[in-house]
């Protein structure tokens, strides 16, 4: 009988350990999901209602250095620090892509607004000013691409979603034959 009792306690002890482990995992899942679902409250209060220049944040008294900044109206606040301007960005990525050409201003090759690109720019006007414009889906709008043998172009338009890694060079509406002769080429493309 003593052996049966010891065996029963061993089994019950194993069961309690497994149950405790599963409850701990369940608690962690609820804690993490609760922290992700419910937003954390930030320490915010109306600064302009305060009469004195002292401000206590989490028990720390903030005076002299931050008082002018914290007591000013946030809408009137202007920072003197500016990010540095990037004049010439260095090449980031080189890869081979299929390159084709299309004609802006031709409804059969674009959509019902043939001169307006995905960026909202008038592509007919830009191509007319000899600015190199292209369409691509694998980079953000406004990105500059360096295409081997063609030069730099700015991505201001998108292509059909089927062409995820293709670049389409924009040509004028009077250059349909030139665009057909361009054909399909696999060239090295640099992303700036």
C-alpha atoms as a PDB file:
ATOM      1  CA  UNK A   1       0.000   0.000   0.000  1.00  0.00           C
ATOM      2  CA  UNK A   2       2.886   2.330   0.781  1.00  0.00           C
ATOM      3  CA  UNK A   3       4.239   1.822  -2.782  1.00  0.00           C
ATOM      4  CA  UNK A   4       0.863   2.677  -4.295  1.00  0.00           C
ATOM      5  CA  UNK A   5       0.657   5.812  -2.185  1.00  0.00           C
ATOM      6  CA  UNK A   6       4.177   6.896  -3.213  1.00  0.00           C
ATOM      7  CA  UNK A   7       3.331   6.186  -6.870  1.00  0.00           C
ATOM      8  CA  UNK A   8       0.162   8.262  -6.557  1.00  0.00           C
ATOM      9  CA  UNK A   9       2.116  11.205  -5.067  1.00  0.00           C
ATOM     10  CA  UNK A  10       4.735  10.997  -7.837  1.00  0.00           C
ATOM     11  CA  UNK A  11       2.050  11.067 -10.532  1.00  0.00           C
ATOM     12  CA  UNK A  12       0.196  13.914  -8.833  1.00  0.00           C
ATOM     13  CA  UNK A  13       3.481  15.853  -8.415  1.00  0.00           C
ATOM     14  CA  UNK A  14       4.258  15.430 -12.158  1.00  0.00           C
ATOM     15  CA  UNK A  15       0.724  16.499 -13.032  1.00  0.00           C
ATOM     16  CA  UNK A  16       0.994  19.616 -10.836  1.00  0.00           C
ATOM     17  CA  UNK A  17       4.374  20.520 -12.415  1.00  0.00           C
ATOM     18  CA  UNK A  18       2.929  20.155 -15.939  1.00  0.00           C
ATOM     19  CA  UNK A  19      -0.136  22.167 -14.987  1.00  0.00           C
ATOM     20  CA  UNK A  20       2.024  24.866 -13.382  1.00  0.00           C
ATOM     21  CA  UNK A  21       4.213  25.040 -16.513  1.00  0.00           C
ATOM     22  CA  UNK A  22       1.172  25.347 -18.797  1.00  0.00           C
ATOM     23  CA  UNK A  23      -0.385  28.017 -16.568  1.00  0.00           C
ATOM     24  CA  UNK A  24       2.873  30.004 -16.628  1.00  0.00           C
ATOM     25  CA  UNK A  25       2.976  29.830 -20.442  1.00  0.00           C
ATOM     26  CA  UNK A  26      -0.679  30.881 -20.616  1.00  0.00           C
ATOM     27  CA  UNK A  27       0.005  33.794 -18.256  1.00  0.00           C
ATOM     28  CA  UNK A  28       2.950  34.943 -20.394  1.00  0.00           C
ATOM     29  CA  UNK A  29       0.861  34.766 -23.567  1.00  0.00           C
ATOM     30  CA  UNK A  30      -1.891  36.860 -21.977  1.00  0.00           C
ATOM     31  CA  UNK A  31       0.613  39.346 -20.544  1.00  0.00           C
ATOM     32  CA  UNK A  32       2.407  39.870 -23.860  1.00  0.00           C
ATOM     33  CA  UNK A  33      -0.790  40.052 -25.898  1.00  0.00           C
ATOM     34  CA  UNK A  34      -2.329  42.434 -23.367  1.00  0.00           C
ATOM     35  CA  UNK A  35       0.706  44.696 -23.571  1.00  0.00           C
ATOM     36  CA  UNK A  36       0.457  44.706 -27.361  1.00  0.00           C
ATOM     37  CA  UNK A  37      -3.305  45.215 -27.568  1.00  0.00           C
ATOM     38  CA  UNK A  38      -3.775  47.879 -24.908  1.00  0.00           C
ATOM     39  CA  UNK A  39      -1.691  51.050 -25.352  1.00  0.00           C
ATOM     40  CA  UNK A  40       0.548  52.329 -22.612  1.00  0.00           C
ATOM     41  CA  UNK A  41      -0.413  55.673 -21.162  1.00  0.00           C
ATOM     42  CA  UNK A  42       2.188  58.353 -21.617  1.00  0.00           C
ATOM     43  CA  UNK A  43       3.110  60.973 -19.082  1.00  0.00           C
ATOM     44  CA  UNK A  44       1.292  63.978 -20.488  1.00  0.00           C
ATOM     45  CA  UNK A  45      -0.410  66.954 -18.925  1.00  0.00           C
ATOM     46  CA  UNK A  46      -1.231  70.522 -19.824  1.00  0.00           C
ATOM     47  CA  UNK A  47       1.890  72.599 -19.263  1.00  0.00           C
ATOM     48  CA  UNK A  48       0.375  76.002 -20.009  1.00  0.00           C
ATOM     49  CA  UNK A  49      -1.955  75.705 -16.979  1.00  0.00           C
ATOM     50  CA  UNK A  50       0.947  75.629 -14.535  1.00  0.00           C
ATOM     51  CA  UNK A  51       1.737  78.858 -12.680  1.00  0.00           C
ATOM     52  CA  UNK A  52       5.269  78.122 -11.517  1.00  0.00           C
ATOM     53  CA  UNK A  53       8.271  77.160 -13.621  1.00  0.00           C
ATOM     54  CA  UNK A  54       8.924  73.948 -11.701  1.00  0.00           C
ATOM     55  CA  UNK A  55       7.805  70.709 -13.236  1.00  0.00           C
ATOM     56  CA  UNK A  56       7.983  67.285 -11.629  1.00  0.00           C
ATOM     57  CA  UNK A  57       8.240  64.273 -13.915  1.00  0.00           C
ATOM     58  CA  UNK A  58       8.216  60.901 -12.167  1.00  0.00           C
ATOM     59  CA  UNK A  59       9.461  62.464  -8.968  1.00  0.00           C
ATOM     60  CA  UNK A  60      12.302  64.423 -10.636  1.00  0.00           C
ATOM     61  CA  UNK A  61      12.152  68.213 -10.454  1.00  0.00           C
ATOM     62  CA  UNK A  62      12.826  69.738 -13.866  1.00  0.00           C
ATOM     63  CA  UNK A  63      13.972  73.338 -13.709  1.00  0.00           C
ATOM     64  CA  UNK A  64      16.262  75.766 -15.540  1.00  0.00           C
ATOM     65  CA  UNK A  65      17.348  73.844 -18.656  1.00  0.00           C
ATOM     66  CA  UNK A  66      14.016  72.412 -19.735  1.00  0.00           C
ATOM     67  CA  UNK A  67      11.628  75.000 -18.297  1.00  0.00           C
ATOM     68  CA  UNK A  68      11.582  77.338 -21.341  1.00  0.00           C
ATOM     69  CA  UNK A  69      11.082  74.404 -23.633  1.00  0.00           C
ATOM     70  CA  UNK A  70       8.411  72.725 -21.521  1.00  0.00           C
ATOM     71  CA  UNK A  71       6.514  75.924 -20.693  1.00  0.00           C
ATOM     72  CA  UNK A  72       6.332  77.110 -24.301  1.00  0.00           C
ATOM     73  CA  UNK A  73       3.401  76.365 -26.549  1.00  0.00           C
ATOM     74  CA  UNK A  74       4.231  73.238 -28.524  1.00  0.00           C
ATOM     75  CA  UNK A  75       2.784  74.725 -31.745  1.00  0.00           C
ATOM     76  CA  UNK A  76       5.128  77.735 -31.541  1.00  0.00           C
ATOM     77  CA  UNK A  77       8.180  75.619 -30.778  1.00  0.00           C
ATOM     78  CA  UNK A  78      10.824  75.651 -33.498  1.00  0.00           C
ATOM     79  CA  UNK A  79      14.017  73.692 -33.284  1.00  0.00           C
ATOM     80  CA  UNK A  80      17.211  75.172 -34.659  1.00  0.00           C
ATOM     81  CA  UNK A  81      18.646  71.759 -35.449  1.00  0.00           C
ATOM     82  CA  UNK A  82      18.223  70.568 -39.029  1.00  0.00           C
ATOM     83  CA  UNK A  83      19.253  67.321 -40.610  1.00  0.00           C
ATOM     84  CA  UNK A  84      22.172  67.630 -43.019  1.00  0.00           C
ATOM     85  CA  UNK A  85      21.271  67.786 -46.684  1.00  0.00           C
ATOM     86  CA  UNK A  86      22.386  64.895 -48.820  1.00  0.00           C
ATOM     87  CA  UNK A  87      23.964  66.208 -51.976  1.00  0.00           C
ATOM     88  CA  UNK A  88      25.079  63.025 -53.747  1.00  0.00           C
ATOM     89  CA  UNK A  89      24.030  59.780 -52.215  1.00  0.00           C
ATOM     90  CA  UNK A  90      26.344  56.874 -52.794  1.00  0.00           C
ATOM     91  CA  UNK A  91      25.237  53.795 -54.647  1.00  0.00           C
ATOM     92  CA  UNK A  92      23.485  51.326 -52.372  1.00  0.00           C
ATOM     93  CA  UNK A  93      22.611  48.268 -54.461  1.00  0.00           C
ATOM     94  CA  UNK A  94      23.558  46.898 -57.861  1.00  0.00           C
ATOM     95  CA  UNK A  95      21.383  44.189 -59.377  1.00  0.00           C
ATOM     96  CA  UNK A  96      20.240  42.992 -62.781  1.00  0.00           C
ATOM     97  CA  UNK A  97      16.659  43.795 -63.834  1.00  0.00           C
ATOM     98  CA  UNK A  98      14.625  43.587 -67.010  1.00  0.00           C
ATOM     99  CA  UNK A  99      14.237  47.018 -68.596  1.00  0.00           C
ATOM    100  CA  UNK A 100      11.459  48.023 -71.005  1.00  0.00           C
ATOM    101  CA  UNK A 101      10.143  51.347 -72.329  1.00  0.00           C
ATOM    102  CA  UNK A 102       6.691  52.884 -72.468  1.00  0.00           C
ATOM    103  CA  UNK A 103       5.152  56.074 -73.795  1.00  0.00           C
ATOM    104  CA  UNK A 104       3.576  58.537 -71.381  1.00  0.00           C
ATOM    105  CA  UNK A 105       0.503  60.262 -72.736  1.00  0.00           C
ATOM    106  CA  UNK A 106      -0.703  57.153 -74.606  1.00  0.00           C
ATOM    107  CA  UNK A 107      -3.871  55.720 -73.032  1.00  0.00           C
ATOM    108  CA  UNK A 108      -3.289  52.258 -74.523  1.00  0.00           C
ATOM    109  CA  UNK A 109       0.001  51.971 -72.610  1.00  0.00           C
ATOM    110  CA  UNK A 110      -1.030  53.633 -69.337  1.00  0.00           C
ATOM    111  CA  UNK A 111      -4.479  54.302 -67.873  1.00  0.00           C
ATOM    112  CA  UNK A 112      -7.231  56.868 -68.290  1.00  0.00           C
ATOM    113  CA  UNK A 113      -4.925  59.634 -66.962  1.00  0.00           C
ATOM    114  CA  UNK A 114      -1.923  58.969 -69.217  1.00  0.00           C
ATOM    115  CA  UNK A 115       0.177  61.994 -68.212  1.00  0.00           C
ATOM    116  CA  UNK A 116      -0.236  61.697 -64.436  1.00  0.00           C
ATOM    117  CA  UNK A 117       2.136  59.227 -62.775  1.00  0.00           C
ATOM    118  CA  UNK A 118       1.654  57.355 -59.505  1.00  0.00           C
ATOM    119  CA  UNK A 119       3.550  60.136 -57.733  1.00  0.00           C
ATOM    120  CA  UNK A 120       1.026  62.730 -58.981  1.00  0.00           C
ATOM    121  CA  UNK A 121       3.564  64.446 -61.244  1.00  0.00           C
ATOM    122  CA  UNK A 122       2.843  65.403 -64.848  1.00  0.00           C
ATOM    123  CA  UNK A 123       5.104  62.895 -66.611  1.00  0.00           C
ATOM    124  CA  UNK A 124       4.372  64.280 -70.096  1.00  0.00           C
ATOM    125  CA  UNK A 125       5.761  67.635 -69.025  1.00  0.00           C
ATOM    126  CA  UNK A 126       8.820  66.081 -67.343  1.00  0.00           C
ATOM    127  CA  UNK A 127       9.645  63.869 -70.344  1.00  0.00           C
ATOM    128  CA  UNK A 128       9.155  66.906 -72.594  1.00  0.00           C
ATOM    129  CA  UNK A 129      11.803  68.713 -70.518  1.00  0.00           C
ATOM    130  CA  UNK A 130      14.240  65.784 -71.095  1.00  0.00           C
ATOM    131  CA  UNK A 131      14.052  64.640 -67.475  1.00  0.00           C
ATOM    132  CA  UNK A 132      14.621  60.879 -67.189  1.00  0.00           C
ATOM    133  CA  UNK A 133      11.582  59.286 -65.588  1.00  0.00           C
ATOM    134  CA  UNK A 134      10.925  55.586 -65.034  1.00  0.00           C
ATOM    135  CA  UNK A 135       8.407  53.249 -63.445  1.00  0.00           C
ATOM    136  CA  UNK A 136       9.276  50.483 -60.972  1.00  0.00           C
ATOM    137  CA  UNK A 137       7.510  48.616 -58.196  1.00  0.00           C
ATOM    138  CA  UNK A 138      10.479  47.381 -56.133  1.00  0.00           C
ATOM    139  CA  UNK A 139      11.593  50.800 -54.806  1.00  0.00           C
ATOM    140  CA  UNK A 140       9.747  53.743 -53.211  1.00  0.00           C
ATOM    141  CA  UNK A 141       8.534  56.607 -55.394  1.00  0.00           C
ATOM    142  CA  UNK A 142      11.185  59.295 -55.811  1.00  0.00           C
ATOM    143  CA  UNK A 143      14.100  56.851 -55.747  1.00  0.00           C
ATOM    144  CA  UNK A 144      16.847  57.362 -58.301  1.00  0.00           C
ATOM    145  CA  UNK A 145      17.982  54.391 -60.372  1.00  0.00           C
ATOM    146  CA  UNK A 146      21.235  54.199 -62.334  1.00  0.00           C
ATOM    147  CA  UNK A 147      20.647  51.968 -65.364  1.00  0.00           C
ATOM    148  CA  UNK A 148      23.646  50.586 -67.218  1.00  0.00           C
ATOM    149  CA  UNK A 149      24.025  52.348 -70.569  1.00  0.00           C
ATOM    150  CA  UNK A 150      21.010  54.619 -70.022  1.00  0.00           C
ATOM    151  CA  UNK A 151      21.901  56.767 -67.019  1.00  0.00           C
ATOM    152  CA  UNK A 152      19.963  57.997 -63.999  1.00  0.00           C
ATOM    153  CA  UNK A 153      16.192  58.097 -63.861  1.00  0.00           C
ATOM    154  CA  UNK A 154      13.757  58.947 -61.086  1.00  0.00           C
ATOM    155  CA  UNK A 155      10.975  56.517 -60.207  1.00  0.00           C
ATOM    156  CA  UNK A 156       7.766  58.552 -60.457  1.00  0.00           C
ATOM    157  CA  UNK A 157       5.375  55.896 -61.749  1.00  0.00           C
ATOM    158  CA  UNK A 158       4.324  52.322 -61.051  1.00  0.00           C
ATOM    159  CA  UNK A 159       3.872  49.318 -63.303  1.00  0.00           C
ATOM    160  CA  UNK A 160       1.335  46.520 -63.341  1.00  0.00           C
ATOM    161  CA  UNK A 161       1.689  44.425 -60.171  1.00  0.00           C
ATOM    162  CA  UNK A 162       2.809  41.432 -62.291  1.00  0.00           C
ATOM    163  CA  UNK A 163       6.131  43.154 -62.978  1.00  0.00           C
ATOM    164  CA  UNK A 164       7.598  43.230 -59.482  1.00  0.00           C
ATOM    165  CA  UNK A 165      11.262  43.585 -60.473  1.00  0.00           C
ATOM    166  CA  UNK A 166      11.080  45.319 -63.843  1.00  0.00           C
ATOM    167  CA  UNK A 167      11.960  48.913 -64.743  1.00  0.00           C
ATOM    168  CA  UNK A 168       9.991  50.806 -67.411  1.00  0.00           C
ATOM    169  CA  UNK A 169      11.672  53.834 -69.012  1.00  0.00           C
ATOM    170  CA  UNK A 170       9.264  56.689 -69.814  1.00  0.00           C
ATOM    171  CA  UNK A 171       9.398  58.100 -73.340  1.00  0.00           C
ATOM    172  CA  UNK A 172       7.353  60.798 -75.032  1.00  0.00           C
ATOM    173  CA  UNK A 173       4.076  60.091 -76.837  1.00  0.00           C
ATOM    174  CA  UNK A 174       5.764  60.722 -80.203  1.00  0.00           C
ATOM    175  CA  UNK A 175       8.473  58.072 -79.547  1.00  0.00           C
ATOM    176  CA  UNK A 176       6.347  54.923 -79.913  1.00  0.00           C
ATOM    177  CA  UNK A 177       8.662  53.383 -82.516  1.00  0.00           C
ATOM    178  CA  UNK A 178      11.717  54.131 -80.355  1.00  0.00           C
ATOM    179  CA  UNK A 179      10.029  52.448 -77.359  1.00  0.00           C
ATOM    180  CA  UNK A 180       9.220  49.344 -79.460  1.00  0.00           C
ATOM    181  CA  UNK A 181      12.790  49.198 -80.745  1.00  0.00           C
ATOM    182  CA  UNK A 182      14.077  49.445 -77.169  1.00  0.00           C
ATOM    183  CA  UNK A 183      12.440  46.076 -76.477  1.00  0.00           C
ATOM    184  CA  UNK A 184      13.274  44.022 -73.403  1.00  0.00           C
ATOM    185  CA  UNK A 185      16.811  44.217 -72.003  1.00  0.00           C
ATOM    186  CA  UNK A 186      18.453  42.788 -68.918  1.00  0.00           C
ATOM    187  CA  UNK A 187      20.735  45.481 -67.531  1.00  0.00           C
ATOM    188  CA  UNK A 188      22.524  46.293 -64.307  1.00  0.00           C
ATOM    189  CA  UNK A 189      20.498  48.698 -62.135  1.00  0.00           C
ATOM    190  CA  UNK A 190      21.855  50.680 -59.203  1.00  0.00           C
ATOM    191  CA  UNK A 191      19.506  51.952 -56.497  1.00  0.00           C
ATOM    192  CA  UNK A 192      20.292  55.326 -54.936  1.00  0.00           C
END
